[in-house]
Amino acid sequence: MYPHPPSLAASLLAPGAAAAPTPWRAGLRLEYERRGARSVLARREHFGPLRVQRALYPEGEAVCHTLLVHPPAGIVGGDELRVDLRVGPGAHALLTTPGAGKWYRSAGARGVLEQHIAVAPGAVCEWLPQESIVHEGARAGLTTAVRLEGDACFIGSEMLCFGRTAAGERFARGELAMRTRIERDGRPIWLERGVVHGGGGLLA
């Protein structure tokens, strides 16, 4: 198994960590390789309820499609999830989710999702999850860090819906804190940080 992120490992080993009710601690590590004309998911490791379904090739062997699955179906206050992804030289990976992500109402603690992506020279990573719904009263922290090497290519999106507007719900309280960092050969090329507060001017 790969080393757990320190904060997650400490939570897993803490006395009583398995007792209910307990926030989810989960991690997923994926590595892709180019083998001949085929991009393959060469390694997968996980702990907790973060999984992947089998690799798919709807565009042909050159592009490996992968569905990320979180069976609890959402993130609540206190959850800590981490995804580590590496796309090796010349490989092409597309990652998505089977449905919308959800950040549920929190009793006070923040739910955290960290996404760490490394793309080697000549490789392509398409990070295209479906939208995330931030429920009324959620407290969410989302961090995305992308490291590109040489001529590596990254295409990514994060679509956010604040409140379940179709059900008449507004995001009148809660918070989403986001950080994004993209670097190429160690030099930052995109830095973004923001906080959206429920009921704030950004949602008017």
Foldseek 3Di string as FASTA:
>chain_A
DDDDDVVLVCLVPDPPSPPPPHAWRKEKEWEWDDDPQAIAGPDIDMDTQWDKDHWDCPPDRQETEIAIDRVVQEHEFPHEYEYHYEYDAQGHYEYEHPDEYEFDAYPDHETEYEYEYEYEHNYEYEYEYDEYEYAARGAYEYEYEYEYEDPYYYHYDYHYHYHPVVVVGFNQAYKYWYWYWYDYPPHTDDTDTDMDGHNDPVRD
